[in-house]
Structures are given as C-alpha cells and as structure tokens.
Amino acid sequence: MTNLQQLIQMGQQIQARLTQLQDELGSRTVASSAGGGMVTATADGRGRIREIRIDPGVVDSEDVEMLEDLVLAAVTDAQTRAHGLYEEELKKLTGGFPFPFPIPFSNLL
C-alpha cells in the first residue's frame, strides 16, 4: 500500500511541477530570423508567436511570395526552438527518465 501512496504522491508532485513549467515557459522567449535578419519571429516557450518584425526593405509588392516564405521560415524555426526548450525543461523535470506516457508539447498551449 505504501508504494501506491508514494506513486500517487509522486504523480501529484509531477503535476504541480508541470503546471509550474507551463507558467515558466509562458514567460520565456525564443527568437528566430530568416533572410539574414530581414524577418524575425519571437515565440514564448509554449510556441505561441508573440512578435513578428519585418525589415521594411524586404517589403516588395512585386515579390510577396518571398516575404511569405521568410515569415513562414522564421515562425517555423521559432516554434521549433520553443519545442526544444520544452523538451530541455521536461528532461530537467524528469531527471532524464522518460514518462510512462508522452506529454505532448501542444498540451502546454
């Protein structure tokens, strides 16, 4: 019976830490740029895009597709970095041991 109580207590501790991690990731940011810094995307640690900066020199009505590609590349990379931050923090939480079940990144959003 003690093992079951310990397991329940450990689960509650992990749940509390995941909630704390969620809050921490919401306040941390990662940034990525494309086109040599012409487009920059900033995301929070949960992967939510918080800011897009576009150098006015890259805005060309004749080549909107290039701007779209740069924005997409910057956003995708920022979200990838946010996911990496999540994975890094989750490893710290678990001491490197895998959870018996996956905790998807999207659950933190």
N, C-alpha and C. Protein backbone atom coordinates (compact mmCIF):
# COMPACT_ATOMS: atom_id res chain seq x y z
N MET A 1 0.82 -1.19 0.00
CA MET A 1 0.00 0.00 0.00
C MET A 1 0.87 1.26 0.00
N THR A 2 1.98 1.21 0.66
CA THR A 2 2.86 2.37 0.72
C THR A 2 3.36 2.74 -0.67
N ASN A 3 3.68 1.75 -1.49
CA ASN A 3 4.16 2.02 -2.84
C ASN A 3 3.11 2.77 -3.66
N LEU A 4 1.85 2.40 -3.50
CA LEU A 4 0.77 3.06 -4.22
C LEU A 4 0.65 4.51 -3.75
N GLN A 5 0.74 4.73 -2.46
CA GLN A 5 0.67 6.09 -1.93
C GLN A 5 1.85 6.93 -2.42
N GLN A 6 3.01 6.33 -2.47
CA GLN A 6 4.19 7.04 -2.96
C GLN A 6 4.03 7.39 -4.44
N LEU A 7 3.47 6.46 -5.19
CA LEU A 7 3.25 6.68 -6.62
C LEU A 7 2.25 7.81 -6.83
N ILE A 8 1.19 7.83 -6.05
CA ILE A 8 0.18 8.89 -6.15
C ILE A 8 0.81 10.23 -5.78
N GLN A 9 1.60 10.25 -4.72
CA GLN A 9 2.25 11.48 -4.28
C GLN A 9 3.22 11.97 -5.35
N MET A 10 3.96 11.06 -5.95
CA MET A 10 4.90 11.44 -7.00
C MET A 10 4.14 12.02 -8.20
N GLY A 11 3.01 11.42 -8.54
CA GLY A 11 2.19 11.92 -9.64
C GLY A 11 1.69 13.34 -9.36
N GLN A 12 1.30 13.60 -8.13
CA GLN A 12 0.84 14.93 -7.76
C GLN A 12 1.98 15.94 -7.83
N GLN A 13 3.17 15.53 -7.41
CA GLN A 13 4.33 16.41 -7.49
C GLN A 13 4.67 16.73 -8.94
N ILE A 14 4.61 15.74 -9.79
CA ILE A 14 4.90 15.95 -11.20
C ILE A 14 3.86 16.87 -11.82
N GLN A 15 2.59 16.66 -11.47
CA GLN A 15 1.53 17.52 -11.99
C GLN A 15 1.75 18.97 -11.56
N ALA A 16 2.12 19.17 -10.30
CA ALA A 16 2.38 20.53 -9.82
C ALA A 16 3.57 21.14 -10.55
N ARG A 17 4.59 20.36 -10.77
CA ARG A 17 5.78 20.86 -11.47
C ARG A 17 5.46 21.16 -12.93
N LEU A 18 4.61 20.35 -13.57
CA LEU A 18 4.21 20.63 -14.95
C LEU A 18 3.44 21.94 -15.04
N THR A 19 2.60 22.20 -14.08
CA THR A 19 1.87 23.46 -14.04
C THR A 19 2.84 24.62 -13.90
N GLN A 20 3.81 24.47 -13.03
CA GLN A 20 4.83 25.50 -12.84
C GLN A 20 5.64 25.67 -14.13
N LEU A 21 5.99 24.57 -14.77
CA LEU A 21 6.75 24.62 -16.02
C LEU A 21 5.95 25.36 -17.09
N GLN A 22 4.67 25.11 -17.15
CA GLN A 22 3.80 25.78 -18.10
C GLN A 22 3.86 27.30 -17.90
N ASP A 23 3.80 27.74 -16.66
CA ASP A 23 3.88 29.18 -16.36
C ASP A 23 5.25 29.74 -16.75
N GLU A 24 6.31 29.01 -16.41
CA GLU A 24 7.66 29.46 -16.72
C GLU A 24 7.86 29.58 -18.23
N LEU A 25 7.39 28.58 -18.98
CA LEU A 25 7.57 28.61 -20.43
C LEU A 25 6.79 29.76 -21.06
N GLY A 26 5.68 30.13 -20.46
CA GLY A 26 4.90 31.25 -20.98
C GLY A 26 5.62 32.57 -20.85
N SER A 27 6.57 32.65 -19.92
CA SER A 27 7.28 33.92 -19.73
C SER A 27 8.66 33.94 -20.39
N ARG A 28 9.10 32.82 -20.91
CA ARG A 28 10.39 32.77 -21.60
C ARG A 28 10.16 32.94 -23.10
N THR A 29 11.16 33.45 -23.80
CA THR A 29 11.01 33.64 -25.23
C THR A 29 12.19 33.06 -25.99
N VAL A 30 11.91 32.72 -27.23
CA VAL A 30 12.93 32.30 -28.18
C VAL A 30 12.69 33.09 -29.45
N ALA A 31 13.75 33.39 -30.17
CA ALA A 31 13.62 34.17 -31.40
C ALA A 31 14.34 33.48 -32.53
N SER A 32 13.87 33.73 -33.72
CA SER A 32 14.49 33.18 -34.91
C SER A 32 14.35 34.20 -36.03
N SER A 33 15.29 34.18 -36.94
CA SER A 33 15.20 35.11 -38.06
C SER A 33 15.44 34.37 -39.36
N ALA A 34 15.00 35.01 -40.43
CA ALA A 34 15.18 34.46 -41.78
C ALA A 34 15.60 35.61 -42.69
N GLY A 35 16.24 35.23 -43.76
CA GLY A 35 16.67 36.23 -44.72
C GLY A 35 17.73 37.16 -44.18
N GLY A 36 18.63 36.62 -43.39
CA GLY A 36 19.69 37.44 -42.82
C GLY A 36 19.18 38.48 -41.84
N GLY A 37 18.10 38.16 -41.16
CA GLY A 37 17.55 39.08 -40.17
C GLY A 37 16.46 39.99 -40.71
N MET A 38 16.07 39.78 -41.96
CA MET A 38 15.03 40.64 -42.53
C MET A 38 13.67 40.37 -41.89
N VAL A 39 13.45 39.13 -41.46
CA VAL A 39 12.22 38.78 -40.76
C VAL A 39 12.61 38.07 -39.48
N THR A 40 12.05 38.53 -38.36
CA THR A 40 12.31 37.92 -37.07
C THR A 40 10.99 37.54 -36.41
N ALA A 41 10.94 36.32 -35.89
CA ALA A 41 9.76 35.85 -35.17
C ALA A 41 10.19 35.52 -33.74
N THR A 42 9.39 35.96 -32.79
CA THR A 42 9.64 35.66 -31.38
C THR A 42 8.46 34.86 -30.86
N ALA A 43 8.77 33.75 -30.19
CA ALA A 43 7.73 32.90 -29.62
C ALA A 43 8.00 32.74 -28.13
N ASP A 44 6.94 32.48 -27.38
CA ASP A 44 7.16 32.15 -25.98
C ASP A 44 7.54 30.68 -25.90
N GLY A 45 7.88 30.23 -24.70
CA GLY A 45 8.32 28.85 -24.52
C GLY A 45 7.26 27.81 -24.79
N ARG A 46 6.03 28.26 -24.94
CA ARG A 46 4.94 27.35 -25.28
C ARG A 46 4.76 27.22 -26.79
N GLY A 47 5.49 28.05 -27.55
CA GLY A 47 5.39 28.00 -29.00
C GLY A 47 4.45 29.04 -29.59
N ARG A 48 3.86 29.86 -28.75
CA ARG A 48 2.96 30.90 -29.26
C ARG A 48 3.79 32.06 -29.82
N ILE A 49 3.47 32.47 -31.01
CA ILE A 49 4.17 33.58 -31.64
C ILE A 49 3.73 34.86 -30.94
N ARG A 50 4.71 35.61 -30.45
CA ARG A 50 4.44 36.84 -29.72
C ARG A 50 4.76 38.09 -30.51
N GLU A 51 5.67 37.95 -31.49
CA GLU A 51 6.06 39.14 -32.24
C GLU A 51 6.65 38.72 -33.58
N ILE A 52 6.33 39.51 -34.59
CA ILE A 52 6.93 39.36 -35.92
C ILE A 52 7.49 40.73 -36.28
N ARG A 53 8.74 40.78 -36.67
CA ARG A 53 9.37 42.03 -37.12
C ARG A 53 9.83 41.82 -38.57
N ILE A 54 9.47 42.79 -39.40
CA ILE A 54 9.82 42.72 -40.81
C ILE A 54 10.57 43.99 -41.18
N ASP A 55 11.78 43.82 -41.71
CA ASP A 55 12.56 44.95 -42.19
C ASP A 55 11.81 45.56 -43.38
N PRO A 56 11.53 46.85 -43.33
CA PRO A 56 10.80 47.48 -44.43
C PRO A 56 11.45 47.28 -45.80
N GLY A 57 12.75 47.08 -45.83
CA GLY A 57 13.44 46.87 -47.10
C GLY A 57 13.07 45.58 -47.80
N VAL A 58 12.51 44.64 -47.08
CA VAL A 58 12.16 43.35 -47.68
C VAL A 58 10.74 43.38 -48.27
N VAL A 59 9.98 44.41 -47.96
CA VAL A 59 8.61 44.51 -48.47
C VAL A 59 8.65 44.97 -49.93
N ASP A 60 8.24 44.07 -50.80
CA ASP A 60 8.24 44.35 -52.24
C ASP A 60 6.93 43.82 -52.80
N SER A 61 6.08 44.71 -53.28
CA SER A 61 4.77 44.29 -53.79
C SER A 61 4.90 43.36 -54.99
N GLU A 62 6.05 43.38 -55.63
CA GLU A 62 6.29 42.50 -56.78
C GLU A 62 6.72 41.10 -56.35
N ASP A 63 7.11 40.93 -55.08
CA ASP A 63 7.61 39.64 -54.62
C ASP A 63 7.07 39.30 -53.23
N VAL A 64 5.76 39.26 -53.12
CA VAL A 64 5.10 38.94 -51.85
C VAL A 64 5.44 37.51 -51.43
N GLU A 65 5.61 36.63 -52.39
CA GLU A 65 5.91 35.22 -52.10
C GLU A 65 7.20 35.07 -51.30
N MET A 66 8.21 35.88 -51.61
CA MET A 66 9.47 35.80 -50.86
C MET A 66 9.23 36.20 -49.40
N LEU A 67 8.47 37.26 -49.18
CA LEU A 67 8.17 37.71 -47.83
C LEU A 67 7.39 36.64 -47.07
N GLU A 68 6.43 36.03 -47.73
CA GLU A 68 5.67 34.94 -47.11
C GLU A 68 6.58 33.79 -46.71
N ASP A 69 7.51 33.44 -47.59
CA ASP A 69 8.45 32.36 -47.29
C ASP A 69 9.34 32.71 -46.10
N LEU A 70 9.81 33.95 -46.04
CA LEU A 70 10.66 34.37 -44.92
C LEU A 70 9.90 34.34 -43.60
N VAL A 71 8.66 34.82 -43.62
CA VAL A 71 7.84 34.79 -42.39
C VAL A 71 7.60 33.36 -41.96
N LEU A 72 7.24 32.51 -42.89
CA LEU A 72 7.00 31.10 -42.57
C LEU A 72 8.25 30.45 -42.00
N ALA A 73 9.40 30.71 -42.60
CA ALA A 73 10.66 30.12 -42.11
C ALA A 73 10.98 30.60 -40.70
N ALA A 74 10.81 31.89 -40.44
CA ALA A 74 11.12 32.43 -39.11
C ALA A 74 10.16 31.88 -38.06
N VAL A 75 8.88 31.81 -38.39
CA VAL A 75 7.88 31.30 -37.44
C VAL A 75 8.12 29.82 -37.16
N THR A 76 8.35 29.05 -38.20
CA THR A 76 8.59 27.62 -38.03
C THR A 76 9.81 27.37 -37.15
N ASP A 77 10.88 28.09 -37.40
CA ASP A 77 12.09 27.91 -36.60
C ASP A 77 11.88 28.36 -35.15
N ALA A 78 11.16 29.45 -34.94
CA ALA A 78 10.89 29.91 -33.57
C ALA A 78 10.09 28.86 -32.81
N GLN A 79 9.10 28.27 -33.47
CA GLN A 79 8.30 27.23 -32.81
C GLN A 79 9.13 25.97 -32.56
N THR A 80 10.03 25.65 -33.46
CA THR A 80 10.92 24.51 -33.26
C THR A 80 11.84 24.75 -32.07
N ARG A 81 12.35 25.96 -31.95
CA ARG A 81 13.19 26.30 -30.80
C ARG A 81 12.39 26.25 -29.49
N ALA A 82 11.15 26.70 -29.54
CA ALA A 82 10.29 26.64 -28.35
C ALA A 82 10.06 25.19 -27.94
N HIS A 83 9.87 24.32 -28.91
CA HIS A 83 9.68 22.91 -28.60
C HIS A 83 10.95 22.33 -28.00
N GLY A 84 12.11 22.74 -28.51
CA GLY A 84 13.38 22.29 -27.94
C GLY A 84 13.54 22.76 -26.51
N LEU A 85 13.12 23.98 -26.22
CA LEU A 85 13.16 24.50 -24.85
C LEU A 85 12.26 23.67 -23.94
N TYR A 86 11.08 23.34 -24.44
CA TYR A 86 10.15 22.49 -23.69
C TYR A 86 10.78 21.13 -23.39
N GLU A 87 11.37 20.51 -24.40
CA GLU A 87 12.00 19.20 -24.22
C GLU A 87 13.12 19.27 -23.19
N GLU A 88 13.92 20.32 -23.26
CA GLU A 88 15.03 20.51 -22.33
C GLU A 88 14.52 20.65 -20.89
N GLU A 89 13.49 21.43 -20.71
CA GLU A 89 12.93 21.63 -19.37
C GLU A 89 12.24 20.37 -18.86
N LEU A 90 11.60 19.63 -19.76
CA LEU A 90 10.94 18.39 -19.36
C LEU A 90 11.97 17.36 -18.91
N LYS A 91 13.12 17.32 -19.57
CA LYS A 91 14.19 16.41 -19.16
C LYS A 91 14.69 16.77 -17.77
N LYS A 92 14.80 18.07 -17.49
CA LYS A 92 15.20 18.50 -16.15
C LYS A 92 14.17 18.05 -15.12
N LEU A 93 12.91 18.18 -15.46
CA LEU A 93 11.83 17.81 -14.56
C LEU A 93 11.86 16.32 -14.23
N THR A 94 12.12 15.51 -15.22
CA THR A 94 12.07 14.07 -15.03
C THR A 94 13.43 13.47 -14.68
N GLY A 95 14.45 14.30 -14.59
CA GLY A 95 15.78 13.79 -14.30
C GLY A 95 16.32 12.94 -15.43
N GLY A 96 15.80 13.16 -16.64
CA GLY A 96 16.26 12.41 -17.80
C GLY A 96 15.51 11.11 -18.03
N PHE A 97 14.67 10.72 -17.07
CA PHE A 97 13.90 9.49 -17.22
C PHE A 97 12.65 9.77 -18.02
N PRO A 98 12.29 8.88 -18.92
CA PRO A 98 11.08 9.10 -19.72
C PRO A 98 9.82 8.89 -18.87
N PHE A 99 8.79 9.66 -19.21
CA PHE A 99 7.49 9.45 -18.57
C PHE A 99 6.92 8.13 -19.06
N PRO A 100 6.05 7.51 -18.27
CA PRO A 100 5.42 6.28 -18.76
C PRO A 100 4.42 6.57 -19.88
N PHE A 101 4.15 7.85 -20.10
CA PHE A 101 3.25 8.28 -21.17
C PHE A 101 3.80 9.60 -21.72
N PRO A 102 3.55 9.87 -23.00
CA PRO A 102 4.08 11.12 -23.57
C PRO A 102 3.28 12.32 -23.08
N ILE A 103 3.96 13.44 -22.91
CA ILE A 103 3.31 14.70 -22.57
C ILE A 103 3.52 15.59 -23.79
N PRO A 104 2.51 15.67 -24.65
CA PRO A 104 2.69 16.43 -25.89
C PRO A 104 2.93 17.90 -25.63
N PHE A 105 3.75 18.48 -26.46
CA PHE A 105 4.06 19.90 -26.40
C PHE A 105 2.79 20.72 -26.55
N SER A 106 1.88 20.26 -27.38
CA SER A 106 0.66 21.02 -27.64
C SER A 106 -0.23 21.14 -26.41
N ASN A 107 -0.05 20.26 -25.40
CA ASN A 107 -0.83 20.36 -24.18
C ASN A 107 -0.47 21.60 -23.38
N LEU A 108 0.69 22.16 -23.61
CA LEU A 108 1.12 23.33 -22.87
C LEU A 108 0.54 24.62 -23.43
N LEU A 109 -0.04 24.55 -24.61
CA LEU A 109 -0.56 25.77 -25.24
C LEU A 109 -1.81 26.26 -24.60
